[in-house]
Amino acid sequence: MSYDPSLSRFHSVPAKPPNPAFINLGKYLVDAYREPSEENVEKLKFVLNDSGVAWTSENIESAIQVLGTKLTPLRRQPKPLARTVSVEELCEMLAKVLDANKSWLADTEKNGAAIAEEFYSERTPPTKSIQDMVAAVTRISAHLERVPPPVYQPPQYEEPPLESWQLPLEAPDFQIRAASKEAIRDLVKRRQARDAWRKEQGL
């Protein structure tokens, strides 16, 4: 490759020129929409070395302009098209995600609409897989409706069915006064058993 007279556009050598060993010429090529291939890099090195100028940013950019069409253009990879997901497949994936997270994620119309909107957004990869839907749920989890915590139900003391002569545990005083001694002794014994059970339960 011969010296190009247009190299006169290069700037003078600075007092402390940069070390070429630490310069990434590929970056400059990409910034100029040129392929950072070995062939392009070698062409750029030849022009810089042949001109005898320092490898400054301004001189590198000027060398790229000098080479012009002699450098291979940057190859752009076409953006993959998003996979088409039918309504049936969307509902199937949504059902699986909801079932896998049923401990906290509420199965509501609002959640379904929010997840579907995020799933179809640009933030979701074109693969549109169930893993992508899981990722979509993670991204918007703070805005989704939660399953309400269960209402605490303290344990209840249960007795077997009473016989006709037995008194209920919460029998009123008038009923106790009218009961037989046997029924009263039975009631006291059963109340003691209930109180012991409550103590074990911490109630």
C-alpha atoms as a PDB file:
ATOM      1  CA  MET A   1       0.000   0.000   0.000  1.00  0.00           C
ATOM      2  CA  SER A   2       1.550   3.318  -1.041  1.00  0.00           C
ATOM      3  CA  TYR A   3       1.511   6.587   0.852  1.00  0.00           C
ATOM      4  CA  ASP A   4      -1.540   8.722   0.185  1.00  0.00           C
ATOM      5  CA  PRO A   5      -0.947  12.498  -0.200  1.00  0.00           C
ATOM      6  CA  SER A   6      -4.158  13.108   1.755  1.00  0.00           C
ATOM      7  CA  LEU A   7      -2.261  12.002   4.856  1.00  0.00           C
ATOM      8  CA  SER A   8      -1.270  15.643   5.174  1.00  0.00           C
ATOM      9  CA  ARG A   9      -4.464  16.032   7.206  1.00  0.00           C
ATOM     10  CA  PHE A  10      -2.731  14.231  10.114  1.00  0.00           C
ATOM     11  CA  HIS A  11      -1.738  16.250  13.147  1.00  0.00           C
ATOM     12  CA  SER A  12       1.798  16.797  14.386  1.00  0.00           C
ATOM     13  CA  VAL A  13       3.445  14.325  16.751  1.00  0.00           C
ATOM     14  CA  PRO A  14       2.818  15.181  20.413  1.00  0.00           C
ATOM     15  CA  ALA A  15       5.675  15.437  22.946  1.00  0.00           C
ATOM     16  CA  LYS A  16       4.710  12.034  24.438  1.00  0.00           C
ATOM     17  CA  PRO A  17       3.013   9.977  21.723  1.00  0.00           C
ATOM     18  CA  PRO A  18       0.734   7.122  22.927  1.00  0.00           C
ATOM     19  CA  ASN A  19       2.089   3.583  22.873  1.00  0.00           C
ATOM     20  CA  PRO A  20       0.508   1.703  19.911  1.00  0.00           C
ATOM     21  CA  ALA A  21       0.624  -1.504  21.947  1.00  0.00           C
ATOM     22  CA  PHE A  22      -2.130  -0.145  24.218  1.00  0.00           C
ATOM     23  CA  ILE A  23      -4.424   1.206  21.522  1.00  0.00           C
ATOM     24  CA  ASN A  24      -7.482  -0.753  20.417  1.00  0.00           C
ATOM     25  CA  LEU A  25      -7.812   0.069  16.727  1.00  0.00           C
ATOM     26  CA  GLY A  26     -10.878  -2.165  16.486  1.00  0.00           C
ATOM     27  CA  LYS A  27     -12.824   0.288  18.638  1.00  0.00           C
ATOM     28  CA  TYR A  28     -12.070   3.132  16.268  1.00  0.00           C
ATOM     29  CA  LEU A  29     -13.097   0.981  13.304  1.00  0.00           C
ATOM     30  CA  VAL A  30     -16.429   0.088  14.907  1.00  0.00           C
ATOM     31  CA  ASP A  31     -17.072   3.737  15.796  1.00  0.00           C
ATOM     32  CA  ALA A  32     -16.520   4.542  12.104  1.00  0.00           C
ATOM     33  CA  TYR A  33     -18.846   1.716  11.057  1.00  0.00           C
ATOM     34  CA  ARG A  34     -15.996  -0.430   9.754  1.00  0.00           C
ATOM     35  CA  GLU A  35     -15.515  -4.120  10.515  1.00  0.00           C
ATOM     36  CA  PRO A  36     -12.873  -4.636  13.278  1.00  0.00           C
ATOM     37  CA  SER A  37     -11.333  -7.464  11.268  1.00  0.00           C
ATOM     38  CA  GLU A  38      -7.657  -8.338  11.191  1.00  0.00           C
ATOM     39  CA  GLU A  39      -7.469  -7.190   7.569  1.00  0.00           C
ATOM     40  CA  ASN A  40      -8.906  -3.759   8.358  1.00  0.00           C
ATOM     41  CA  VAL A  41      -6.670  -3.382  11.422  1.00  0.00           C
ATOM     42  CA  GLU A  42      -3.568  -4.194   9.344  1.00  0.00           C
ATOM     43  CA  LYS A  43      -4.544  -1.642   6.692  1.00  0.00           C
ATOM     44  CA  LEU A  44      -4.996   0.980   9.387  1.00  0.00           C
ATOM     45  CA  LYS A  45      -1.652   0.123  11.004  1.00  0.00           C
ATOM     46  CA  PHE A  46       0.121   0.390   7.630  1.00  0.00           C
ATOM     47  CA  VAL A  47      -1.234   3.873   6.959  1.00  0.00           C
ATOM     48  CA  LEU A  48      -0.347   5.101  10.446  1.00  0.00           C
ATOM     49  CA  ASN A  49       3.149   3.633  10.391  1.00  0.00           C
ATOM     50  CA  ASP A  50       3.797   4.739   6.806  1.00  0.00           C
ATOM     51  CA  SER A  51       2.818   8.309   7.632  1.00  0.00           C
ATOM     52  CA  GLY A  52       5.085   8.393  10.679  1.00  0.00           C
ATOM     53  CA  VAL A  53       2.497  10.166  12.824  1.00  0.00           C
ATOM     54  CA  ALA A  54       1.633   9.449  16.442  1.00  0.00           C
ATOM     55  CA  TRP A  55      -1.268   7.102  17.102  1.00  0.00           C
ATOM     56  CA  THR A  56      -3.519   9.750  18.575  1.00  0.00           C
ATOM     57  CA  SER A  57      -7.304   9.562  18.359  1.00  0.00           C
ATOM     58  CA  GLU A  58      -7.385  12.370  15.790  1.00  0.00           C
ATOM     59  CA  ASN A  59      -4.745  10.713  13.566  1.00  0.00           C
ATOM     60  CA  ILE A  60      -6.415   7.297  13.772  1.00  0.00           C
ATOM     61  CA  GLU A  61      -9.760   8.802  12.743  1.00  0.00           C
ATOM     62  CA  SER A  62      -8.043  10.667   9.907  1.00  0.00           C
ATOM     63  CA  ALA A  63      -6.404   7.423   8.715  1.00  0.00           C
ATOM     64  CA  ILE A  64      -9.776   5.731   8.628  1.00  0.00           C
ATOM     65  CA  GLN A  65     -11.120   8.556   6.514  1.00  0.00           C
ATOM     66  CA  VAL A  66      -8.122   8.246   4.167  1.00  0.00           C
ATOM     67  CA  LEU A  67      -8.739   4.527   3.703  1.00  0.00           C
ATOM     68  CA  GLY A  68     -12.445   5.119   3.136  1.00  0.00           C
ATOM     69  CA  THR A  69     -14.002   2.345   1.054  1.00  0.00           C
ATOM     70  CA  LYS A  70     -10.814   0.283   1.253  1.00  0.00           C
ATOM     71  CA  LEU A  71     -12.029  -0.786   4.709  1.00  0.00           C
ATOM     72  CA  THR A  72     -14.735  -3.436   4.911  1.00  0.00           C
ATOM     73  CA  PRO A  73     -17.992  -1.954   6.252  1.00  0.00           C
ATOM     74  CA  LEU A  74     -19.322  -3.123   9.610  1.00  0.00           C
ATOM     75  CA  ARG A  75     -21.610  -6.102   9.240  1.00  0.00           C
ATOM     76  CA  ARG A  76     -24.839  -5.593  11.144  1.00  0.00           C
ATOM     77  CA  GLN A  77     -26.608  -8.687  12.436  1.00  0.00           C
ATOM     78  CA  PRO A  78     -30.338  -8.480  11.679  1.00  0.00           C
ATOM     79  CA  LYS A  79     -32.448  -8.284  14.803  1.00  0.00           C
ATOM     80  CA  PRO A  80     -34.324 -11.598  15.208  1.00  0.00           C
ATOM     81  CA  LEU A  81     -38.067 -11.358  14.829  1.00  0.00           C
ATOM     82  CA  ALA A  82     -40.150 -12.057  17.914  1.00  0.00           C
ATOM     83  CA  ARG A  83     -41.806 -15.463  17.976  1.00  0.00           C
ATOM     84  CA  THR A  84     -45.554 -15.348  17.533  1.00  0.00           C
ATOM     85  CA  VAL A  85     -47.394 -16.598  20.620  1.00  0.00           C
ATOM     86  CA  SER A  86     -51.060 -17.505  20.225  1.00  0.00           C
ATOM     87  CA  VAL A  87     -53.658 -16.620  22.851  1.00  0.00           C
ATOM     88  CA  GLU A  88     -54.002 -20.316  23.688  1.00  0.00           C
ATOM     89  CA  GLU A  89     -50.263 -20.718  24.264  1.00  0.00           C
ATOM     90  CA  LEU A  90     -50.135 -17.503  26.282  1.00  0.00           C
ATOM     91  CA  CYS A  91     -52.956 -18.727  28.549  1.00  0.00           C
ATOM     92  CA  GLU A  92     -51.250 -22.093  28.952  1.00  0.00           C
ATOM     93  CA  MET A  93     -47.941 -20.524  29.958  1.00  0.00           C
ATOM     94  CA  LEU A  94     -49.700 -18.078  32.271  1.00  0.00           C
ATOM     95  CA  ALA A  95     -51.562 -20.921  33.995  1.00  0.00           C
ATOM     96  CA  LYS A  96     -48.288 -22.769  34.616  1.00  0.00           C
ATOM     97  CA  VAL A  97     -46.589 -19.667  36.018  1.00  0.00           C
ATOM     98  CA  LEU A  98     -49.536 -18.879  38.293  1.00  0.00           C
ATOM     99  CA  ASP A  99     -49.674 -22.460  39.548  1.00  0.00           C
ATOM    100  CA  ALA A 100     -45.930 -22.526  40.245  1.00  0.00           C
ATOM    101  CA  ASN A 101     -46.247 -19.309  42.283  1.00  0.00           C
ATOM    102  CA  LYS A 102     -49.659 -19.868  43.869  1.00  0.00           C
ATOM    103  CA  SER A 103     -48.215 -19.409  47.366  1.00  0.00           C
ATOM    104  CA  TRP A 104     -47.936 -15.642  46.759  1.00  0.00           C
ATOM    105  CA  LEU A 105     -49.170 -14.716  43.263  1.00  0.00           C
ATOM    106  CA  ALA A 106     -52.908 -14.122  43.114  1.00  0.00           C
ATOM    107  CA  ASP A 107     -54.774 -15.611  40.156  1.00  0.00           C
ATOM    108  CA  THR A 108     -56.619 -12.439  39.197  1.00  0.00           C
ATOM    109  CA  GLU A 109     -57.622 -10.756  35.959  1.00  0.00           C
ATOM    110  CA  LYS A 110     -55.463  -7.735  36.842  1.00  0.00           C
ATOM    111  CA  ASN A 111     -52.349  -9.907  37.309  1.00  0.00           C
ATOM    112  CA  GLY A 112     -52.998 -11.795  34.098  1.00  0.00           C
ATOM    113  CA  ALA A 113     -53.295  -8.577  32.095  1.00  0.00           C
ATOM    114  CA  ALA A 114     -50.157  -7.075  33.685  1.00  0.00           C
ATOM    115  CA  ILE A 115     -48.072 -10.210  33.045  1.00  0.00           C
ATOM    116  CA  ALA A 116     -49.268 -10.469  29.441  1.00  0.00           C
ATOM    117  CA  GLU A 117     -48.448  -6.786  28.812  1.00  0.00           C
ATOM    118  CA  GLU A 118     -44.926  -7.189  30.213  1.00  0.00           C
ATOM    119  CA  PHE A 119     -44.444 -10.467  28.318  1.00  0.00           C
ATOM    120  CA  TYR A 120     -45.267  -8.769  25.002  1.00  0.00           C
ATOM    121  CA  SER A 121     -43.119  -5.704  25.744  1.00  0.00           C
ATOM    122  CA  GLU A 122     -39.714  -4.940  24.205  1.00  0.00           C
ATOM    123  CA  ARG A 123     -38.081  -6.007  27.471  1.00  0.00           C
ATOM    124  CA  THR A 124     -38.890  -9.642  26.682  1.00  0.00           C
ATOM    125  CA  PRO A 125     -36.508 -11.469  24.285  1.00  0.00           C
ATOM    126  CA  PRO A 126     -37.878 -12.538  20.890  1.00  0.00           C
ATOM    127  CA  THR A 127     -37.817 -16.189  22.017  1.00  0.00           C
ATOM    128  CA  LYS A 128     -41.048 -15.571  24.003  1.00  0.00           C
ATOM    129  CA  SER A 129     -40.639 -18.761  26.070  1.00  0.00           C
ATOM    130  CA  ILE A 130     -42.110 -19.682  29.448  1.00  0.00           C
ATOM    131  CA  GLN A 131     -38.731 -18.768  30.989  1.00  0.00           C
ATOM    132  CA  ASP A 132     -39.205 -15.318  29.475  1.00  0.00           C
ATOM    133  CA  MET A 133     -42.621 -15.114  31.128  1.00  0.00           C
ATOM    134  CA  VAL A 134     -41.105 -16.065  34.490  1.00  0.00           C
ATOM    135  CA  ALA A 135     -38.577 -13.263  33.996  1.00  0.00           C
ATOM    136  CA  ALA A 136     -41.424 -10.878  33.144  1.00  0.00           C
ATOM    137  CA  VAL A 137     -43.187 -11.784  36.410  1.00  0.00           C
ATOM    138  CA  THR A 138     -39.955 -11.150  38.315  1.00  0.00           C
ATOM    139  CA  ARG A 139     -39.584  -7.701  36.742  1.00  0.00           C
ATOM    140  CA  ILE A 140     -43.066  -6.537  37.774  1.00  0.00           C
ATOM    141  CA  SER A 141     -43.527  -8.637  40.919  1.00  0.00           C
ATOM    142  CA  ALA A 142     -43.670  -5.530  43.133  1.00  0.00           C
ATOM    143  CA  HIS A 143     -46.812  -4.377  41.282  1.00  0.00           C
ATOM    144  CA  LEU A 144     -48.693  -7.690  41.240  1.00  0.00           C
ATOM    145  CA  GLU A 145     -51.526  -8.629  43.581  1.00  0.00           C
ATOM    146  CA  ARG A 146     -50.529 -11.008  46.356  1.00  0.00           C
ATOM    147  CA  VAL A 147     -52.417 -13.903  47.876  1.00  0.00           C
ATOM    148  CA  PRO A 148     -53.747 -12.561  51.210  1.00  0.00           C
ATOM    149  CA  PRO A 149     -52.171 -14.169  54.281  1.00  0.00           C
ATOM    150  CA  PRO A 150     -54.340 -16.836  55.907  1.00  0.00           C
ATOM    151  CA  VAL A 151     -56.502 -15.684  58.813  1.00  0.00           C
ATOM    152  CA  TYR A 152     -55.237 -17.220  62.034  1.00  0.00           C
ATOM    153  CA  GLN A 153     -57.656 -19.705  63.506  1.00  0.00           C
ATOM    154  CA  PRO A 154     -56.728 -20.831  67.006  1.00  0.00           C
ATOM    155  CA  PRO A 155     -57.170 -24.542  67.657  1.00  0.00           C
ATOM    156  CA  GLN A 156     -60.500 -25.531  69.171  1.00  0.00           C
ATOM    157  CA  TYR A 157     -60.937 -27.991  72.011  1.00  0.00           C
ATOM    158  CA  GLU A 158     -63.253 -30.788  70.936  1.00  0.00           C
ATOM    159  CA  GLU A 159     -65.115 -33.326  72.993  1.00  0.00           C
ATOM    160  CA  PRO A 160     -66.854 -36.516  71.946  1.00  0.00           C
ATOM    161  CA  PRO A 161     -70.661 -36.333  71.766  1.00  0.00           C
ATOM    162  CA  LEU A 162     -72.203 -35.942  75.223  1.00  0.00           C
ATOM    163  CA  GLU A 163     -74.577 -38.433  76.742  1.00  0.00           C
ATOM    164  CA  SER A 164     -77.986 -37.244  77.872  1.00  0.00           C
ATOM    165  CA  TRP A 165     -77.014 -36.923  81.531  1.00  0.00           C
ATOM    166  CA  GLN A 166     -73.788 -34.958  80.930  1.00  0.00           C
ATOM    167  CA  LEU A 167     -73.546 -31.203  81.225  1.00  0.00           C
ATOM    168  CA  PRO A 168     -71.979 -29.055  78.471  1.00  0.00           C
ATOM    169  CA  LEU A 169     -68.650 -27.477  79.375  1.00  0.00           C
ATOM    170  CA  GLU A 170     -70.170 -23.985  79.399  1.00  0.00           C
ATOM    171  CA  ALA A 171     -73.284 -24.984  81.297  1.00  0.00           C
ATOM    172  CA  PRO A 172     -74.899 -22.033  83.141  1.00  0.00           C
ATOM    173  CA  ASP A 173     -75.119 -22.030  86.938  1.00  0.00           C
ATOM    174  CA  PHE A 174     -78.826 -22.814  87.084  1.00  0.00           C
ATOM    175  CA  GLN A 175     -78.286 -25.949  84.993  1.00  0.00           C
ATOM    176  CA  ILE A 176     -75.394 -27.040  87.208  1.00  0.00           C
ATOM    177  CA  ARG A 177     -77.479 -26.524  90.398  1.00  0.00           C
ATOM    178  CA  ALA A 178     -80.209 -28.725  88.963  1.00  0.00           C
ATOM    179  CA  ALA A 179     -77.777 -31.502  87.843  1.00  0.00           C
ATOM    180  CA  SER A 180     -76.886 -34.682  89.697  1.00  0.00           C
ATOM    181  CA  LYS A 181     -73.647 -35.025  91.681  1.00  0.00           C
ATOM    182  CA  GLU A 182     -72.378 -37.475  89.104  1.00  0.00           C
ATOM    183  CA  ALA A 183     -72.974 -34.973  86.285  1.00  0.00           C
ATOM    184  CA  ILE A 184     -71.232 -32.206  88.270  1.00  0.00           C
ATOM    185  CA  ARG A 185     -68.189 -34.388  89.035  1.00  0.00           C
ATOM    186  CA  ASP A 186     -68.051 -35.333  85.353  1.00  0.00           C
ATOM    187  CA  LEU A 187     -68.235 -31.660  84.364  1.00  0.00           C
ATOM    188  CA  VAL A 188     -65.380 -30.687  86.725  1.00  0.00           C
ATOM    189  CA  LYS A 189     -63.214 -33.508  85.389  1.00  0.00           C
ATOM    190  CA  ARG A 190     -63.872 -32.534  81.780  1.00  0.00           C
ATOM    191  CA  ARG A 191     -63.193 -28.850  82.459  1.00  0.00           C
ATOM    192  CA  GLN A 192     -59.856 -29.750  84.051  1.00  0.00           C
ATOM    193  CA  ALA A 193     -58.969 -31.780  80.942  1.00  0.00           C
ATOM    194  CA  ARG A 194     -59.894 -28.803  78.733  1.00  0.00           C
ATOM    195  CA  ASP A 195     -57.862 -26.359  80.818  1.00  0.00           C
ATOM    196  CA  ALA A 196     -54.830 -28.674  80.681  1.00  0.00           C
ATOM    197  CA  TRP A 197     -55.158 -28.855  76.883  1.00  0.00           C
ATOM    198  CA  ARG A 198     -55.351 -25.053  76.627  1.00  0.00           C
ATOM    199  CA  LYS A 199     -52.208 -24.740  78.695  1.00  0.00           C
ATOM    200  CA  GLU A 200     -50.380 -27.137  76.376  1.00  0.00           C
ATOM    201  CA  GLN A 201     -51.494 -25.076  73.390  1.00  0.00           C
ATOM    202  CA  GLY A 202     -50.396 -21.848  75.006  1.00  0.00           C
ATOM    203  CA  LEU A 203     -53.902 -20.433  74.872  1.00  0.00           C
END
